[in-house]
Protein backbone atom coordinates (compact mmCIF):
# COMPACT_ATOMS: atom_id res chain seq x y z
CA MET A 1 77.09 -102.97 -164.58
CA ASN A 2 74.26 -101.99 -166.89
CA GLU A 3 75.62 -98.43 -167.18
CA GLN A 4 79.09 -99.75 -168.03
CA ILE A 5 77.60 -101.90 -170.79
CA GLY A 6 75.84 -98.84 -172.21
CA GLU A 7 79.04 -96.79 -172.14
CA LEU A 8 81.04 -99.57 -173.78
CA SER A 9 78.39 -99.98 -176.44
CA THR A 10 78.70 -96.28 -177.28
CA GLN A 11 82.50 -96.55 -177.37
CA LEU A 12 82.24 -99.58 -179.65
CA ALA A 13 80.10 -97.65 -182.12
CA LYS A 14 82.64 -94.80 -182.15
CA ALA A 15 85.56 -97.21 -182.55
CA ALA A 16 83.94 -98.96 -185.51
CA TYR A 17 84.82 -96.35 -188.10
CA GLU A 18 87.27 -93.62 -189.06
CA ARG A 19 86.02 -90.07 -189.18
CA VAL A 20 86.80 -88.12 -192.35
CA VAL A 21 86.79 -84.33 -192.29
CA TYR A 22 86.61 -82.93 -195.80
CA LYS A 23 88.65 -79.76 -196.32
CA GLU A 24 89.10 -77.72 -199.49
CA GLU A 25 91.96 -79.66 -201.10
CA ARG A 26 92.66 -82.37 -198.57
CA ASP A 27 90.85 -84.84 -196.40
CA ILE A 28 91.66 -85.30 -192.73
CA VAL A 29 91.17 -88.88 -191.52
CA GLU A 30 90.78 -89.23 -187.80
CA ALA A 31 91.33 -92.73 -186.43
CA PRO A 32 89.21 -93.90 -183.49
CA GLU A 33 90.61 -93.08 -180.05
CA VAL A 34 90.26 -96.67 -178.83
CA SER A 35 90.75 -100.02 -180.52
CA PHE A 36 87.59 -101.71 -181.77
CA ALA A 37 88.91 -105.15 -180.79
CA GLU A 38 89.73 -104.08 -177.23
CA VAL A 39 86.36 -102.42 -176.66
CA HIS A 40 84.54 -105.39 -178.21
CA LYS A 41 86.39 -107.80 -175.92
CA GLU A 42 85.67 -105.72 -172.80
CA LEU A 43 82.00 -105.31 -173.76
CA ASP A 44 81.68 -109.07 -174.30
CA GLU A 45 83.22 -109.74 -170.87
CA LYS A 46 80.84 -107.28 -169.17
CA ARG A 47 77.84 -108.82 -170.92
CA ARG A 48 78.87 -112.31 -169.81
CA LEU A 49 79.35 -111.09 -166.24
CA PHE A 50 75.93 -109.39 -166.33
CA ARG A 51 74.29 -112.60 -167.55
CA THR A 52 76.01 -114.59 -164.79
CA LEU A 53 74.87 -112.11 -162.14
CA ASN A 54 71.34 -112.17 -163.52
CA ARG A 55 71.23 -115.98 -163.48
CA ASN A 56 72.55 -116.08 -159.92
CA LEU A 57 69.96 -113.55 -158.77
CA ARG A 58 67.14 -115.50 -160.38
CA SER A 59 68.41 -118.75 -158.92
CA ALA A 60 68.67 -117.22 -155.45
CA ALA A 61 65.17 -115.81 -155.73
CA HIS A 62 63.79 -119.30 -156.33
CA ASP A 63 65.92 -121.06 -153.71
CA ILE A 64 65.46 -118.79 -150.71
CA VAL A 65 62.65 -119.60 -148.32
CA VAL A 66 61.52 -116.91 -145.92
CA GLU A 67 59.66 -117.72 -142.72
CA PHE A 68 57.50 -114.84 -141.58
CA ARG A 69 56.79 -114.29 -137.87
CA ASP A 70 53.03 -114.43 -138.30
CA GLU A 71 53.16 -117.83 -140.01
CA PRO A 72 53.52 -121.05 -137.99
């Protein structure tokens, strides 16, 4: 999940702007390969899911009681 968030963050940065290649008498404008809005939405969903997983893990860590064999 964390790796996916990193990849989406990189994609979001690339989707945020158009790339302009300056040639002698003309400029070539390259649009982003992916839509900024779509990547932003997917990144937001992954971040929310990550937060939910993290909260559930922390909650489970505090709720679980382990009885060891050497303890009465």
